[in-house]
PDB file of N, CA and C in Angstrom:
ATOM      1  N   UNK A   1      65.023  95.859 -37.192  1.00  0.00           N
ATOM      2  CA  UNK A   1      65.644  97.044 -37.724  1.00  0.00           C
ATOM      3  C   UNK A   1      67.059  96.702 -38.166  1.00  0.00           C
ATOM      4  N   UNK A   2      67.405  97.062 -39.377  1.00  0.00           N
ATOM      5  CA  UNK A   2      68.744  96.852 -39.906  1.00  0.00           C
ATOM      6  C   UNK A   2      69.676  97.884 -39.281  1.00  0.00           C
ATOM      7  N   UNK A   3      70.818  97.442 -38.720  1.00  0.00           N
ATOM      8  CA  UNK A   3      71.668  98.360 -37.963  1.00  0.00           C
ATOM      9  C   UNK A   3      73.105  97.876 -37.898  1.00  0.00           C
ATOM     10  N   UNK A   4      73.992  98.800 -37.524  1.00  0.00           N
ATOM     11  CA  UNK A   4      75.352  98.482 -37.107  1.00  0.00           C
ATOM     12  C   UNK A   4      75.326  98.443 -35.594  1.00  0.00           C
ATOM     13  N   UNK A   5      76.053  97.515 -34.987  1.00  0.00           N
ATOM     14  CA  UNK A   5      76.037  97.427 -33.534  1.00  0.00           C
ATOM     15  C   UNK A   5      77.369  96.984 -32.970  1.00  0.00           C
ATOM     16  N   UNK A   6      77.582  97.346 -31.703  1.00  0.00           N
ATOM     17  CA  UNK A   6      78.796  96.936 -30.997  1.00  0.00           C
ATOM     18  C   UNK A   6      78.460  96.771 -29.515  1.00  0.00           C
ATOM     19  N   UNK A   7      79.072  95.784 -28.893  1.00  0.00           N
ATOM     20  CA  UNK A   7      78.956  95.589 -27.448  1.00  0.00           C
ATOM     21  C   UNK A   7      79.974  96.484 -26.756  1.00  0.00           C
ATOM     22  N   UNK A   8      79.593  97.041 -25.607  1.00  0.00           N
ATOM     23  CA  UNK A   8      80.444  97.988 -24.889  1.00  0.00           C
ATOM     24  C   UNK A   8      81.293  97.292 -23.822  1.00  0.00           C
ATOM     25  N   UNK A   9      80.883  96.093 -23.405  1.00  0.00           N
ATOM     26  CA  UNK A   9      81.582  95.384 -22.334  1.00  0.00           C
ATOM     27  C   UNK A   9      81.910  93.947 -22.755  1.00  0.00           C
ATOM     28  N   UNK A  10      82.872  93.372 -22.059  1.00  0.00           N
ATOM     29  CA  UNK A  10      83.194  91.959 -22.217  1.00  0.00           C
ATOM     30  C   UNK A  10      83.246  91.361 -20.819  1.00  0.00           C
ATOM     31  N   UNK A  11      82.381  90.398 -20.540  1.00  0.00           N
ATOM     32  CA  UNK A  11      82.259  89.805 -19.200  1.00  0.00           C
ATOM     33  C   UNK A  11      82.101  90.882 -18.136  1.00  0.00           C
ATOM     34  N   UNK A  12      81.336  91.920 -18.450  1.00  0.00           N
ATOM     35  CA  UNK A  12      81.051  92.988 -17.498  1.00  0.00           C
ATOM     36  C   UNK A  12      82.077  94.094 -17.433  1.00  0.00           C
ATOM     37  N   UNK A  13      83.228  93.910 -18.085  1.00  0.00           N
ATOM     38  CA  UNK A  13      84.288  94.918 -18.036  1.00  0.00           C
ATOM     39  C   UNK A  13      84.218  95.818 -19.269  1.00  0.00           C
ATOM     40  N   UNK A  14      84.310  97.129 -19.049  1.00  0.00           N
ATOM     41  CA  UNK A  14      84.232  98.108 -20.112  1.00  0.00           C
ATOM     42  C   UNK A  14      85.378  97.914 -21.111  1.00  0.00           C
ATOM     43  N   UNK A  15      85.029  97.846 -22.401  1.00  0.00           N
ATOM     44  CA  UNK A  15      86.044  97.724 -23.446  1.00  0.00           C
ATOM     45  C   UNK A  15      86.598  99.109 -23.782  1.00  0.00           C
ATOM     46  N   UNK A  16      87.840  99.153 -24.217  1.00  0.00           N
ATOM     47  CA  UNK A  16      88.427 100.437 -24.625  1.00  0.00           C
ATOM     48  C   UNK A  16      87.777 100.895 -25.928  1.00  0.00           C
ATOM     49  N   UNK A  17      87.862 102.168 -26.203  1.00  0.00           N
ATOM     50  CA  UNK A  17      87.301 102.706 -27.441  1.00  0.00           C
ATOM     51  C   UNK A  17      87.948 102.020 -28.648  1.00  0.00           C
ATOM     52  N   UNK A  18      89.237 101.733 -28.573  1.00  0.00           N
ATOM     53  CA  UNK A  18      89.926 101.033 -29.665  1.00  0.00           C
ATOM     54  C   UNK A  18      89.293  99.664 -29.915  1.00  0.00           C
ATOM     55  N   UNK A  19      89.048  98.906 -28.849  1.00  0.00           N
ATOM     56  CA  UNK A  19      88.432  97.586 -28.997  1.00  0.00           C
ATOM     57  C   UNK A  19      87.030  97.692 -29.575  1.00  0.00           C
ATOM     58  N   UNK A  20      86.235  98.650 -29.079  1.00  0.00           N
ATOM     59  CA  UNK A  20      84.881  98.821 -29.589  1.00  0.00           C
ATOM     60  C   UNK A  20      84.892  99.218 -31.059  1.00  0.00           C
ATOM     61  N   UNK A  21      85.781 100.111 -31.437  1.00  0.00           N
ATOM     62  CA  UNK A  21      85.811 100.594 -32.820  1.00  0.00           C
ATOM     63  C   UNK A  21      86.093  99.497 -33.839  1.00  0.00           C
ATOM     64  N   UNK A  22      86.803  98.461 -33.446  1.00  0.00           N
ATOM     65  CA  UNK A  22      87.122  97.388 -34.399  1.00  0.00           C
ATOM     66  C   UNK A  22      86.090  96.265 -34.416  1.00  0.00           C
ATOM     67  N   UNK A  23      85.149  96.274 -33.458  1.00  0.00           N
ATOM     68  CA  UNK A  23      84.202  95.169 -33.318  1.00  0.00           C
ATOM     69  C   UNK A  23      82.801  95.455 -33.846  1.00  0.00           C
ATOM     70  N   UNK A  24      82.591  96.536 -34.594  1.00  0.00           N
ATOM     71  CA  UNK A  24      81.269  96.849 -35.142  1.00  0.00           C
ATOM     72  C   UNK A  24      80.843  95.756 -36.107  1.00  0.00           C
ATOM     73  N   UNK A  25      79.564  95.449 -36.104  1.00  0.00           N
ATOM     74  CA  UNK A  25      79.028  94.443 -37.013  1.00  0.00           C
ATOM     75  C   UNK A  25      77.675  94.907 -37.540  1.00  0.00           C
ATOM     76  N   UNK A  26      77.314  94.412 -38.705  1.00  0.00           N
ATOM     77  CA  UNK A  26      76.028  94.749 -39.315  1.00  0.00           C
ATOM     78  C   UNK A  26      75.060  93.614 -39.045  1.00  0.00           C
ATOM     79  N   UNK A  27      73.828  93.951 -38.711  1.00  0.00           N
ATOM     80  CA  UNK A  27      72.853  92.902 -38.438  1.00  0.00           C
ATOM     81  C   UNK A  27      71.451  93.443 -38.330  1.00  0.00           C
ATOM     82  N   UNK A  28      70.605  92.653 -37.661  1.00  0.00           N
ATOM     83  CA  UNK A  28      69.189  92.960 -37.518  1.00  0.00           C
ATOM     84  C   UNK A  28      68.856  92.994 -36.031  1.00  0.00           C
ATOM     85  N   UNK A  29      68.388  94.152 -35.545  1.00  0.00           N
ATOM     86  CA  UNK A  29      68.038  94.325 -34.135  1.00  0.00           C
ATOM     87  C   UNK A  29      66.552  94.092 -33.928  1.00  0.00           C
ATOM     88  N   UNK A  30      66.213  93.314 -32.906  1.00  0.00           N
ATOM     89  CA  UNK A  30      64.809  93.154 -32.508  1.00  0.00           C
ATOM     90  C   UNK A  30      64.746  93.218 -30.991  1.00  0.00           C
ATOM     91  N   UNK A  31      63.587  93.641 -30.470  1.00  0.00           N
ATOM     92  CA  UNK A  31      63.388  93.671 -29.027  1.00  0.00           C
ATOM     93  C   UNK A  31      61.924  93.341 -28.753  1.00  0.00           C
ATOM     94  N   UNK A  32      61.681  92.275 -27.987  1.00  0.00           N
ATOM     95  CA  UNK A  32      60.322  91.838 -27.646  1.00  0.00           C
ATOM     96  C   UNK A  32      60.290  91.399 -26.181  1.00  0.00           C
ATOM     97  N   UNK A  33      59.091  91.343 -25.628  1.00  0.00           N
ATOM     98  CA  UNK A  33      58.937  90.805 -24.273  1.00  0.00           C
ATOM     99  C   UNK A  33      58.843  89.290 -24.357  1.00  0.00           C
ATOM    100  N   UNK A  34      59.561  88.619 -23.462  1.00  0.00           N
ATOM    101  CA  UNK A  34      59.552  87.159 -23.392  1.00  0.00           C
ATOM    102  C   UNK A  34      59.435  86.737 -21.939  1.00  0.00           C
ATOM    103  N   UNK A  35      58.853  85.589 -21.713  1.00  0.00           N
ATOM    104  CA  UNK A  35      58.782  85.032 -20.371  1.00  0.00           C
ATOM    105  C   UNK A  35      60.138  84.405 -20.050  1.00  0.00           C
ATOM    106  N   UNK A  36      60.772  84.859 -18.985  1.00  0.00           N
ATOM    107  CA  UNK A  36      62.086  84.366 -18.602  1.00  0.00           C
ATOM    108  C   UNK A  36      61.937  83.390 -17.441  1.00  0.00           C
ATOM    109  N   UNK A  37      62.155  82.093 -17.694  1.00  0.00           N
ATOM    110  CA  UNK A  37      61.975  81.111 -16.628  1.00  0.00           C
ATOM    111  C   UNK A  37      62.969  81.281 -15.480  1.00  0.00           C
ATOM    112  N   UNK A  38      64.128  81.866 -15.755  1.00  0.00           N
ATOM    113  CA  UNK A  38      65.117  82.052 -14.689  1.00  0.00           C
ATOM    114  C   UNK A  38      64.695  83.160 -13.715  1.00  0.00           C
ATOM    115  N   UNK A  39      64.072  84.219 -14.241  1.00  0.00           N
ATOM    116  CA  UNK A  39      63.615  85.324 -13.394  1.00  0.00           C
ATOM    117  C   UNK A  39      62.157  85.179 -12.972  1.00  0.00           C
ATOM    118  N   UNK A  40      61.441  84.233 -13.588  1.00  0.00           N
ATOM    119  CA  UNK A  40      60.030  83.993 -13.291  1.00  0.00           C
ATOM    120  C   UNK A  40      59.164  85.230 -13.556  1.00  0.00           C
ATOM    121  N   UNK A  41      59.471  85.925 -14.670  1.00  0.00           N
ATOM    122  CA  UNK A  41      58.679  87.094 -15.051  1.00  0.00           C
ATOM    123  C   UNK A  41      58.923  87.415 -16.522  1.00  0.00           C
ATOM    124  N   UNK A  42      58.118  88.326 -17.054  1.00  0.00           N
ATOM    125  CA  UNK A  42      58.295  88.785 -18.425  1.00  0.00           C
ATOM    126  C   UNK A  42      59.366  89.865 -18.447  1.00  0.00           C
ATOM    127  N   UNK A  43      60.264  89.797 -19.430  1.00  0.00           N
ATOM    128  CA  UNK A  43      61.331  90.788 -19.588  1.00  0.00           C
ATOM    129  C   UNK A  43      61.453  91.176 -21.062  1.00  0.00           C
ATOM    130  N   UNK A  44      61.945  92.381 -21.304  1.00  0.00           N
ATOM    131  CA  UNK A  44      62.275  92.794 -22.680  1.00  0.00           C
ATOM    132  C   UNK A  44      63.621  92.181 -23.036  1.00  0.00           C
ATOM    133  N   UNK A  45      63.669  91.519 -24.183  1.00  0.00           N
ATOM    134  CA  UNK A  45      64.897  90.876 -24.633  1.00  0.00           C
ATOM    135  C   UNK A  45      65.266  91.450 -25.996  1.00  0.00           C
ATOM    136  N   UNK A  46      66.467  92.005 -26.088  1.00  0.00           N
ATOM    137  CA  UNK A  46      66.977  92.514 -27.365  1.00  0.00           C
ATOM    138  C   UNK A  46      67.883  91.446 -27.963  1.00  0.00           C
ATOM    139  N   UNK A  47      67.758  91.280 -29.267  1.00  0.00           N
ATOM    140  CA  UNK A  47      68.593  90.314 -29.991  1.00  0.00           C
ATOM    141  C   UNK A  47      69.178  90.991 -31.220  1.00  0.00           C
ATOM    142  N   UNK A  48      70.412  90.624 -31.533  1.00  0.00           N
ATOM    143  CA  UNK A  48      71.092  91.183 -32.702  1.00  0.00           C
ATOM    144  C   UNK A  48      71.537  90.009 -33.569  1.00  0.00           C
ATOM    145  N   UNK A  49      70.903  89.871 -34.734  1.00  0.00           N
ATOM    146  CA  UNK A  49      71.154  88.752 -35.636  1.00  0.00           C
ATOM    147  C   UNK A  49      72.007  89.197 -36.815  1.00  0.00           C
ATOM    148  N   UNK A  50      72.791  88.282 -37.343  1.00  0.00           N
ATOM    149  CA  UNK A  50      73.556  88.606 -38.552  1.00  0.00           C
ATOM    150  C   UNK A  50      72.612  88.623 -39.743  1.00  0.00           C
ATOM    151  N   UNK A  51      73.005  89.327 -40.778  1.00  0.00           N
ATOM    152  CA  UNK A  51      72.207  89.358 -41.994  1.00  0.00           C
ATOM    153  C   UNK A  51      71.126  90.410 -41.971  1.00  0.00           C
ATOM    154  N   UNK A  52      70.119  90.204 -42.808  1.00  0.00           N
ATOM    155  CA  UNK A  52      69.091  91.211 -43.029  1.00  0.00           C
ATOM    156  C   UNK A  52      67.770  90.927 -42.329  1.00  0.00           C
ATOM    157  N   UNK A  53      67.694  89.873 -41.530  1.00  0.00           N
ATOM    158  CA  UNK A  53      66.437  89.588 -40.832  1.00  0.00           C
ATOM    159  C   UNK A  53      66.699  88.735 -39.603  1.00  0.00           C
ATOM    160  N   UNK A  54      65.644  88.447 -38.852  1.00  0.00           N
ATOM    161  CA  UNK A  54      65.786  87.700 -37.604  1.00  0.00           C
ATOM    162  C   UNK A  54      66.157  86.240 -37.805  1.00  0.00           C
ATOM    163  N   UNK A  55      66.210  85.772 -39.040  1.00  0.00           N
ATOM    164  CA  UNK A  55      66.514  84.373 -39.292  1.00  0.00           C
ATOM    165  C   UNK A  55      67.986  84.024 -39.177  1.00  0.00           C
ATOM    166  N   UNK A  56      68.872  85.023 -39.138  1.00  0.00           N
ATOM    167  CA  UNK A  56      70.305  84.747 -39.051  1.00  0.00           C
ATOM    168  C   UNK A  56      70.723  84.373 -37.633  1.00  0.00           C
ATOM    169  N   UNK A  57      71.937  83.885 -37.511  1.00  0.00           N
ATOM    170  CA  UNK A  57      72.485  83.516 -36.202  1.00  0.00           C
ATOM    171  C   UNK A  57      72.650  84.767 -35.337  1.00  0.00           C
ATOM    172  N   UNK A  58      72.544  84.596 -34.024  1.00  0.00           N
ATOM    173  CA  UNK A  58      72.727  85.724 -33.125  1.00  0.00           C
ATOM    174  C   UNK A  58      74.195  86.121 -33.088  1.00  0.00           C
ATOM    175  N   UNK A  59      74.452  87.409 -33.279  1.00  0.00           N
ATOM    176  CA  UNK A  59      75.813  87.944 -33.265  1.00  0.00           C
ATOM    177  C   UNK A  59      76.279  88.155 -31.828  1.00  0.00           C
ATOM    178  N   UNK A  60      75.397  88.703 -30.973  1.00  0.00           N
ATOM    179  CA  UNK A  60      75.695  88.951 -29.568  1.00  0.00           C
ATOM    180  C   UNK A  60      74.804  88.057 -28.716  1.00  0.00           C
ATOM    181  N   UNK A  61      75.219  87.756 -27.479  1.00  0.00           N
ATOM    182  CA  UNK A  61      74.279  87.088 -26.571  1.00  0.00           C
ATOM    183  C   UNK A  61      73.064  87.998 -26.361  1.00  0.00           C
ATOM    184  N   UNK A  62      71.882  87.442 -26.159  1.00  0.00           N
ATOM    185  CA  UNK A  62      70.692  88.282 -25.949  1.00  0.00           C
ATOM    186  C   UNK A  62      70.883  89.235 -24.767  1.00  0.00           C
ATOM    187  N   UNK A  63      70.254  90.397 -24.871  1.00  0.00           N
ATOM    188  CA  UNK A  63      70.307  91.414 -23.823  1.00  0.00           C
ATOM    189  C   UNK A  63      68.975  91.379 -23.067  1.00  0.00           C
ATOM    190  N   UNK A  64      69.002  90.901 -21.804  1.00  0.00           N
ATOM    191  CA  UNK A  64      67.798  90.759 -20.994  1.00  0.00           C
ATOM    192  C   UNK A  64      67.522  92.040 -20.220  1.00  0.00           C
ATOM    193  N   UNK A  65      66.234  92.290 -19.953  1.00  0.00           N
ATOM    194  CA  UNK A  65      65.800  93.539 -19.304  1.00  0.00           C
ATOM    195  C   UNK A  65      66.314  94.741 -20.092  1.00  0.00           C
ATOM    196  N   UNK A  66      66.262  94.622 -21.402  1.00  0.00           N
ATOM    197  CA  UNK A  66      66.798  95.650 -22.295  1.00  0.00           C
ATOM    198  C   UNK A  66      66.017  96.952 -22.166  1.00  0.00           C
ATOM    199  N   UNK A  67      66.750  98.038 -22.115  1.00  0.00           N
ATOM    200  CA  UNK A  67      66.168  99.375 -22.007  1.00  0.00           C
ATOM    201  C   UNK A  67      66.960 100.324 -22.894  1.00  0.00           C
ATOM    202  N   UNK A  68      66.252 101.160 -23.630  1.00  0.00           N
ATOM    203  CA  UNK A  68      66.916 102.211 -24.405  1.00  0.00           C
ATOM    204  C   UNK A  68      67.198 103.343 -23.429  1.00  0.00           C
ATOM    205  N   UNK A  69      68.489 103.676 -23.239  1.00  0.00           N
ATOM    206  CA  UNK A  69      68.820 104.721 -22.269  1.00  0.00           C
ATOM    207  C   UNK A  69      69.228 106.037 -22.922  1.00  0.00           C
ATOM    208  N   UNK A  70      69.549 105.998 -24.216  1.00  0.00           N
ATOM    209  CA  UNK A  70      69.926 107.238 -24.899  1.00  0.00           C
ATOM    210  C   UNK A  70      69.667 107.091 -26.393  1.00  0.00           C
ATOM    211  N   UNK A  71      69.232 108.186 -27.000  1.00  0.00           N
ATOM    212  CA  UNK A  71      69.046 108.238 -28.450  1.00  0.00           C
ATOM    213  C   UNK A  71      69.659 109.536 -28.939  1.00  0.00           C
ATOM    214  N   UNK A  72      70.566 109.418 -29.899  1.00  0.00           N
ATOM    215  CA  UNK A  72      71.171 110.598 -30.513  1.00  0.00           C
ATOM    216  C   UNK A  72      70.687 110.735 -31.940  1.00  0.00           C
ATOM    217  N   UNK A  73      71.269 111.649 -32.688  1.00  0.00           N
ATOM    218  CA  UNK A  73      70.815 111.866 -34.062  1.00  0.00           C
ATOM    219  C   UNK A  73      71.017 110.643 -34.970  1.00  0.00           C
ATOM    220  N   UNK A  74      72.016 109.821 -34.668  1.00  0.00           N
ATOM    221  CA  UNK A  74      72.280 108.668 -35.541  1.00  0.00           C
ATOM    222  C   UNK A  74      72.657 107.412 -34.756  1.00  0.00           C
ATOM    223  N   UNK A  75      72.315 107.347 -33.465  1.00  0.00           N
ATOM    224  CA  UNK A  75      72.685 106.186 -32.651  1.00  0.00           C
ATOM    225  C   UNK A  75      71.706 106.004 -31.507  1.00  0.00           C
ATOM    226  N   UNK A  76      71.695 104.798 -30.942  1.00  0.00           N
ATOM    227  CA  UNK A  76      70.934 104.451 -29.747  1.00  0.00           C
ATOM    228  C   UNK A  76      71.881 103.724 -28.799  1.00  0.00           C
ATOM    229  N   UNK A  77      71.602 103.812 -27.514  1.00  0.00           N
ATOM    230  CA  UNK A  77      72.300 102.978 -26.539  1.00  0.00           C
ATOM    231  C   UNK A  77      71.259 102.150 -25.802  1.00  0.00           C
ATOM    232  N   UNK A  78      71.449 100.833 -25.811  1.00  0.00           N
ATOM    233  CA  UNK A  78      70.599  99.915 -25.060  1.00  0.00           C
ATOM    234  C   UNK A  78      71.431  99.344 -23.926  1.00  0.00           C
ATOM    235  N   UNK A  79      70.796  99.105 -22.796  1.00  0.00           N
ATOM    236  CA  UNK A  79      71.492  98.491 -21.674  1.00  0.00           C
ATOM    237  C   UNK A  79      70.640  97.371 -21.102  1.00  0.00           C
ATOM    238  N   UNK A  80      71.272  96.481 -20.370  1.00  0.00           N
ATOM    239  CA  UNK A  80      70.605  95.339 -19.766  1.00  0.00           C
ATOM    240  C   UNK A  80      71.662  94.390 -19.234  1.00  0.00           C
ATOM    241  N   UNK A  81      71.358  93.100 -19.267  1.00  0.00           N
ATOM    242  CA  UNK A  81      72.385  92.129 -18.871  1.00  0.00           C
ATOM    243  C   UNK A  81      72.347  90.951 -19.825  1.00  0.00           C
ATOM    244  N   UNK A  82      73.513  90.332 -19.966  1.00  0.00           N
ATOM    245  CA  UNK A  82      73.618  89.142 -20.796  1.00  0.00           C
ATOM    246  C   UNK A  82      74.019  87.975 -19.916  1.00  0.00           C
ATOM    247  N   UNK A  83      73.665  86.792 -20.376  1.00  0.00           N
ATOM    248  CA  UNK A  83      74.034  85.569 -19.660  1.00  0.00           C
ATOM    249  C   UNK A  83      75.077  84.825 -20.470  1.00  0.00           C
ATOM    250  N   UNK A  84      76.169  84.479 -19.800  1.00  0.00           N
ATOM    251  CA  UNK A  84      77.242  83.718 -20.437  1.00  0.00           C
ATOM    252  C   UNK A  84      77.434  82.420 -19.667  1.00  0.00           C
ATOM    253  N   UNK A  85      77.979  81.393 -20.332  1.00  0.00           N
ATOM    254  CA  UNK A  85      78.195  80.115 -19.631  1.00  0.00           C
ATOM    255  C   UNK A  85      79.094  80.306 -18.411  1.00  0.00           C
ATOM    256  N   UNK A  86      78.719  79.658 -17.309  1.00  0.00           N
ATOM    257  CA  UNK A  86      79.511  79.725 -16.084  1.00  0.00           C
ATOM    258  C   UNK A  86      80.479  78.565 -15.991  1.00  0.00           C
ATOM    259  N   UNK A  87      81.222  78.515 -14.906  1.00  0.00           N
ATOM    260  CA  UNK A  87      82.222  77.468 -14.713  1.00  0.00           C
ATOM    261  C   UNK A  87      81.572  76.101 -14.521  1.00  0.00           C
ATOM    262  N   UNK A  88      80.451  76.063 -13.817  1.00  0.00           N
ATOM    263  CA  UNK A  88      79.776  74.785 -13.566  1.00  0.00           C
ATOM    264  C   UNK A  88      78.932  74.399 -14.782  1.00  0.00           C
ATOM    265  N   UNK A  89      78.829  73.128 -15.027  1.00  0.00           N
ATOM    266  CA  UNK A  89      78.057  72.625 -16.158  1.00  0.00           C
ATOM    267  C   UNK A  89      76.600  73.082 -16.064  1.00  0.00           C
ATOM    268  N   UNK A  90      76.119  73.728 -17.106  1.00  0.00           N
ATOM    269  CA  UNK A  90      74.743  74.193 -17.144  1.00  0.00           C
ATOM    270  C   UNK A  90      74.499  75.510 -16.421  1.00  0.00           C
ATOM    271  N   UNK A  91      75.501  76.031 -15.740  1.00  0.00           N
ATOM    272  CA  UNK A  91      75.338  77.291 -15.006  1.00  0.00           C
ATOM    273  C   UNK A  91      75.556  78.475 -15.944  1.00  0.00           C
ATOM    274  N   UNK A  92      74.929  79.594 -15.613  1.00  0.00           N
ATOM    275  CA  UNK A  92      75.153  80.832 -16.357  1.00  0.00           C
ATOM    276  C   UNK A  92      75.540  81.926 -15.380  1.00  0.00           C
ATOM    277  N   UNK A  93      76.255  82.916 -15.906  1.00  0.00           N
ATOM    278  CA  UNK A  93      76.641  84.090 -15.136  1.00  0.00           C
ATOM    279  C   UNK A  93      76.073  85.290 -15.864  1.00  0.00           C
ATOM    280  N   UNK A  94      75.460  86.207 -15.133  1.00  0.00           N
ATOM    281  CA  UNK A  94      74.878  87.407 -15.729  1.00  0.00           C
ATOM    282  C   UNK A  94      75.840  88.573 -15.581  1.00  0.00           C
ATOM    283  N   UNK A  95      76.020  89.309 -16.680  1.00  0.00           N
ATOM    284  CA  UNK A  95      76.900  90.473 -16.696  1.00  0.00           C
ATOM    285  C   UNK A  95      76.153  91.674 -17.250  1.00  0.00           C
ATOM    286  N   UNK A  96      76.446  92.839 -16.699  1.00  0.00           N
ATOM    287  CA  UNK A  96      75.905  94.077 -17.245  1.00  0.00           C
ATOM    288  C   UNK A  96      76.458  94.254 -18.656  1.00  0.00           C
ATOM    289  N   UNK A  97      75.602  94.766 -19.553  1.00  0.00           N
ATOM    290  CA  UNK A  97      76.035  94.963 -20.942  1.00  0.00           C
ATOM    291  C   UNK A  97      75.307  96.159 -21.526  1.00  0.00           C
ATOM    292  N   UNK A  98      75.950  96.834 -22.445  1.00  0.00           N
ATOM    293  CA  UNK A  98      75.327  97.898 -23.231  1.00  0.00           C
ATOM    294  C   UNK A  98      75.712  97.691 -24.686  1.00  0.00           C
ATOM    295  N   UNK A  99      74.805  98.074 -25.558  1.00  0.00           N
ATOM    296  CA  UNK A  99      75.067  98.043 -26.990  1.00  0.00           C
ATOM    297  C   UNK A  99      74.924  99.457 -27.534  1.00  0.00           C
ATOM    298  N   UNK A 100      75.785  99.808 -28.455  1.00  0.00           N
ATOM    299  CA  UNK A 100      75.606 101.036 -29.225  1.00  0.00           C
ATOM    300  C   UNK A 100      75.103 100.601 -30.592  1.00  0.00           C
ATOM    301  N   UNK A 101      74.003 101.184 -31.018  1.00  0.00           N
ATOM    302  CA  UNK A 101      73.340 100.800 -32.257  1.00  0.00           C
ATOM    303  C   UNK A 101      73.246 102.013 -33.172  1.00  0.00           C
ATOM    304  N   UNK A 102      73.607 101.824 -34.435  1.00  0.00           N
ATOM    305  CA  UNK A 102      73.455 102.857 -35.460  1.00  0.00           C
ATOM    306  C   UNK A 102      72.520 102.311 -36.531  1.00  0.00           C
ATOM    307  N   UNK A 103      71.258 102.779 -36.563  1.00  0.00           N
ATOM    308  CA  UNK A 103      70.336 102.309 -37.596  1.00  0.00           C
ATOM    309  C   UNK A 103      70.882 102.646 -38.981  1.00  0.00           C
ATOM    310  N   UNK A 104      70.675 101.725 -39.916  1.00  0.00           N
ATOM    311  CA  UNK A 104      71.050 101.964 -41.311  1.00  0.00           C
ATOM    312  C   UNK A 104      69.817 101.815 -42.173  1.00  0.00           C
ATOM    313  N   UNK A 105      69.911 102.276 -43.402  1.00  0.00           N
ATOM    314  CA  UNK A 105      68.783 102.199 -44.318  1.00  0.00           C
ATOM    315  C   UNK A 105      68.343 100.783 -44.575  1.00  0.00           C
ATOM    316  N   UNK A 106      67.309 100.608 -45.370  1.00  0.00           N
ATOM    317  CA  UNK A 106      66.809  99.268 -45.670  1.00  0.00           C
ATOM    318  C   UNK A 106      67.913  98.392 -46.259  1.00  0.00           C
ATOM    319  N   UNK A 107      67.894  97.088 -45.934  1.00  0.00           N
ATOM    320  CA  UNK A 107      68.938  96.175 -46.435  1.00  0.00           C
ATOM    321  C   UNK A 107      68.900  96.022 -47.940  1.00  0.00           C
TER     322      UNK A 107
END
């Protein structure tokens, strides 16, 4: 789905409305179930790619255990967690994350 999107948190900390308002980006939202070797189970993973299709680079880190928690007349809110590189080599840290998504017309 072609959409505008913004992350609500940075490393788990809520961003101010000013910060969120300047960080909107246009891209392609997808959400599918994937087998997660770290959790040893299937999870819904949301991805937000730049451009008009899934072939572009990921704009945000993937959102694991993604769930749509709210839908308004022109927006959606997805929540889940993202994994970011940790201090130790090869380690990751999981942080709570939410995205606000505004669907747009066809690209």
